[in-house]
Amino acid sequence: MVTQDIGRVLLNIINNAFYAVSEKSKVESSMSDVHYEPKVTVSTTNLGDMVEIKYQTTAVVFRSI
């Protein structure tokens, strides 16, 4: 996998995460008794010869290597 491919994968995952919280926000906002705060969190862990990247949203959890 080349650097451009990795960049595209990461961008796609981030776009999907923001889409997921946006869609959930639309659903939750239609319910007057529910307070929903969209959130996307990204964390990385150095695993020596690899890097672990975790994405978490208040709508869905994404995990990628």
N, C-alpha and C. Protein backbone atom coordinates (compact mmCIF):
# COMPACT_ATOMS: atom_id res chain seq x y z
N MET A 1 0.85 -1.17 0.00
CA MET A 1 0.00 0.00 0.00
C MET A 1 0.90 1.24 0.00
N VAL A 2 0.65 2.18 -0.87
CA VAL A 2 1.46 3.38 -0.94
C VAL A 2 0.87 4.47 -0.06
N THR A 3 1.66 5.50 0.18
CA THR A 3 1.26 6.59 1.07
C THR A 3 -0.06 7.22 0.67
N GLN A 4 -0.28 7.43 -0.63
CA GLN A 4 -1.54 8.02 -1.09
C GLN A 4 -2.73 7.14 -0.72
N ASP A 5 -2.57 5.83 -0.85
CA ASP A 5 -3.65 4.91 -0.50
C ASP A 5 -4.00 5.01 0.99
N ILE A 6 -2.99 5.06 1.83
CA ILE A 6 -3.21 5.17 3.27
C ILE A 6 -3.95 6.47 3.57
N GLY A 7 -3.53 7.55 2.93
CA GLY A 7 -4.20 8.84 3.11
C GLY A 7 -5.67 8.78 2.71
N ARG A 8 -5.96 8.12 1.61
CA ARG A 8 -7.35 7.98 1.16
C ARG A 8 -8.17 7.15 2.14
N VAL A 9 -7.58 6.09 2.65
CA VAL A 9 -8.28 5.25 3.63
C VAL A 9 -8.60 6.05 4.88
N LEU A 10 -7.62 6.78 5.40
CA LEU A 10 -7.85 7.58 6.61
C LEU A 10 -8.90 8.65 6.37
N LEU A 11 -8.83 9.33 5.23
CA LEU A 11 -9.81 10.37 4.91
C LEU A 11 -11.21 9.76 4.80
N ASN A 12 -11.33 8.60 4.19
CA ASN A 12 -12.62 7.93 4.05
C ASN A 12 -13.20 7.56 5.42
N ILE A 13 -12.36 7.04 6.30
CA ILE A 13 -12.83 6.66 7.63
C ILE A 13 -13.29 7.90 8.40
N ILE A 14 -12.54 8.97 8.32
CA ILE A 14 -12.92 10.21 9.02
C ILE A 14 -14.22 10.76 8.44
N ASN A 15 -14.35 10.77 7.12
CA ASN A 15 -15.60 11.23 6.50
C ASN A 15 -16.77 10.38 6.96
N ASN A 16 -16.59 9.06 7.02
CA ASN A 16 -17.66 8.17 7.48
C ASN A 16 -18.03 8.45 8.93
N ALA A 17 -17.04 8.73 9.76
CA ALA A 17 -17.31 9.02 11.17
C ALA A 17 -18.15 10.29 11.31
N PHE A 18 -17.79 11.34 10.57
CA PHE A 18 -18.56 12.58 10.65
C PHE A 18 -19.95 12.41 10.05
N TYR A 19 -20.07 11.61 9.01
CA TYR A 19 -21.38 11.33 8.43
C TYR A 19 -22.26 10.60 9.45
N ALA A 20 -21.68 9.62 10.15
CA ALA A 20 -22.44 8.85 11.13
C ALA A 20 -22.98 9.73 12.26
N VAL A 21 -22.15 10.61 12.81
CA VAL A 21 -22.63 11.47 13.90
C VAL A 21 -23.64 12.50 13.37
N SER A 22 -23.45 12.93 12.13
CA SER A 22 -24.41 13.87 11.53
C SER A 22 -25.78 13.22 11.37
N GLU A 23 -25.79 11.98 10.87
CA GLU A 23 -27.06 11.26 10.69
C GLU A 23 -27.72 10.98 12.04
N LYS A 24 -26.93 10.56 13.02
CA LYS A 24 -27.51 10.29 14.33
C LYS A 24 -28.05 11.58 14.95
N SER A 25 -27.35 12.69 14.72
CA SER A 25 -27.80 13.98 15.23
C SER A 25 -29.17 14.35 14.66
N LYS A 26 -29.38 14.07 13.38
CA LYS A 26 -30.68 14.35 12.75
C LYS A 26 -31.78 13.53 13.41
N VAL A 27 -31.50 12.25 13.66
CA VAL A 27 -32.50 11.37 14.27
C VAL A 27 -32.77 11.79 15.71
N GLU A 28 -31.71 12.04 16.46
CA GLU A 28 -31.85 12.39 17.87
C GLU A 28 -32.52 13.75 18.05
N SER A 29 -32.26 14.69 17.15
CA SER A 29 -32.85 16.03 17.29
C SER A 29 -34.35 16.00 17.04
N SER A 30 -34.83 14.97 16.35
CA SER A 30 -36.27 14.86 16.13
C SER A 30 -36.99 14.39 17.39
N MET A 31 -36.23 13.87 18.36
CA MET A 31 -36.79 13.45 19.64
C MET A 31 -36.55 14.57 20.64
N SER A 32 -37.57 15.24 21.07
CA SER A 32 -37.42 16.43 21.91
C SER A 32 -36.84 16.13 23.29
N ASP A 33 -36.99 14.91 23.79
CA ASP A 33 -36.51 14.61 25.13
C ASP A 33 -35.09 14.04 25.16
N VAL A 34 -34.42 14.00 24.02
CA VAL A 34 -33.07 13.43 23.95
C VAL A 34 -32.06 14.52 23.61
N HIS A 35 -30.99 14.60 24.42
CA HIS A 35 -29.89 15.53 24.12
C HIS A 35 -28.73 14.72 23.56
N TYR A 36 -28.34 15.04 22.34
CA TYR A 36 -27.25 14.31 21.69
C TYR A 36 -26.14 15.29 21.34
N GLU A 37 -24.93 14.97 21.75
CA GLU A 37 -23.77 15.80 21.43
C GLU A 37 -22.83 14.99 20.54
N PRO A 38 -22.75 15.34 19.24
CA PRO A 38 -21.87 14.60 18.33
C PRO A 38 -20.40 14.72 18.75
N LYS A 39 -19.67 13.61 18.64
CA LYS A 39 -18.26 13.62 19.01
C LYS A 39 -17.51 12.57 18.20
N VAL A 40 -16.37 12.97 17.66
CA VAL A 40 -15.47 12.05 16.95
C VAL A 40 -14.12 12.12 17.65
N THR A 41 -13.59 10.97 18.05
CA THR A 41 -12.30 10.90 18.73
C THR A 41 -11.36 10.03 17.91
N VAL A 42 -10.12 10.48 17.74
CA VAL A 42 -9.10 9.71 17.04
C VAL A 42 -7.92 9.55 17.99
N SER A 43 -7.43 8.31 18.12
CA SER A 43 -6.24 8.08 18.94
C SER A 43 -5.29 7.15 18.20
N THR A 44 -4.01 7.30 18.51
CA THR A 44 -2.99 6.46 17.89
C THR A 44 -2.14 5.81 18.98
N THR A 45 -1.62 4.62 18.66
CA THR A 45 -0.71 3.91 19.55
C THR A 45 0.46 3.38 18.73
N ASN A 46 1.67 3.68 19.18
CA ASN A 46 2.86 3.18 18.53
C ASN A 46 3.09 1.75 18.99
N LEU A 47 3.05 0.82 18.04
CA LEU A 47 3.23 -0.60 18.35
C LEU A 47 4.59 -1.11 17.85
N GLY A 48 5.56 -0.23 17.82
CA GLY A 48 6.89 -0.63 17.34
C GLY A 48 6.98 -0.49 15.84
N ASP A 49 6.79 -1.59 15.13
CA ASP A 49 6.87 -1.55 13.68
C ASP A 49 5.51 -1.28 13.02
N MET A 50 4.49 -1.03 13.84
CA MET A 50 3.15 -0.70 13.33
C MET A 50 2.57 0.45 14.15
N VAL A 51 1.53 1.06 13.61
CA VAL A 51 0.80 2.09 14.33
C VAL A 51 -0.67 1.69 14.35
N GLU A 52 -1.27 1.74 15.51
CA GLU A 52 -2.70 1.46 15.64
C GLU A 52 -3.44 2.79 15.66
N ILE A 53 -4.47 2.90 14.84
CA ILE A 53 -5.29 4.10 14.78
C ILE A 53 -6.71 3.71 15.14
N LYS A 54 -7.28 4.37 16.14
CA LYS A 54 -8.66 4.08 16.56
C LYS A 54 -9.51 5.34 16.37
N TYR A 55 -10.69 5.11 15.80
CA TYR A 55 -11.67 6.18 15.63
C TYR A 55 -12.88 5.79 16.44
N GLN A 56 -13.41 6.74 17.18
CA GLN A 56 -14.63 6.46 17.92
C GLN A 56 -15.56 7.65 17.77
N THR A 57 -16.82 7.35 17.57
CA THR A 57 -17.82 8.40 17.49
C THR A 57 -18.91 8.10 18.51
N THR A 58 -19.73 9.09 18.78
CA THR A 58 -20.86 8.85 19.66
C THR A 58 -21.96 8.11 18.91
N ALA A 59 -21.75 7.84 17.61
CA ALA A 59 -22.72 7.10 16.82
C ALA A 59 -22.24 5.66 16.58
N VAL A 60 -20.96 5.49 16.25
CA VAL A 60 -20.42 4.20 15.85
C VAL A 60 -18.95 4.16 16.24
N VAL A 61 -18.40 2.97 16.42
CA VAL A 61 -16.97 2.82 16.68
C VAL A 61 -16.30 2.28 15.43
N PHE A 62 -15.22 2.93 15.01
CA PHE A 62 -14.43 2.48 13.86
C PHE A 62 -13.05 2.11 14.37
N ARG A 63 -12.50 1.04 13.86
CA ARG A 63 -11.12 0.68 14.20
C ARG A 63 -10.39 0.34 12.93
N SER A 64 -9.17 0.82 12.82
CA SER A 64 -8.38 0.59 11.62
C SER A 64 -6.94 0.44 12.00
N ILE A 65 -6.19 -0.26 11.17
CA ILE A 65 -4.74 -0.41 11.39
C ILE A 65 -4.02 0.41 10.34
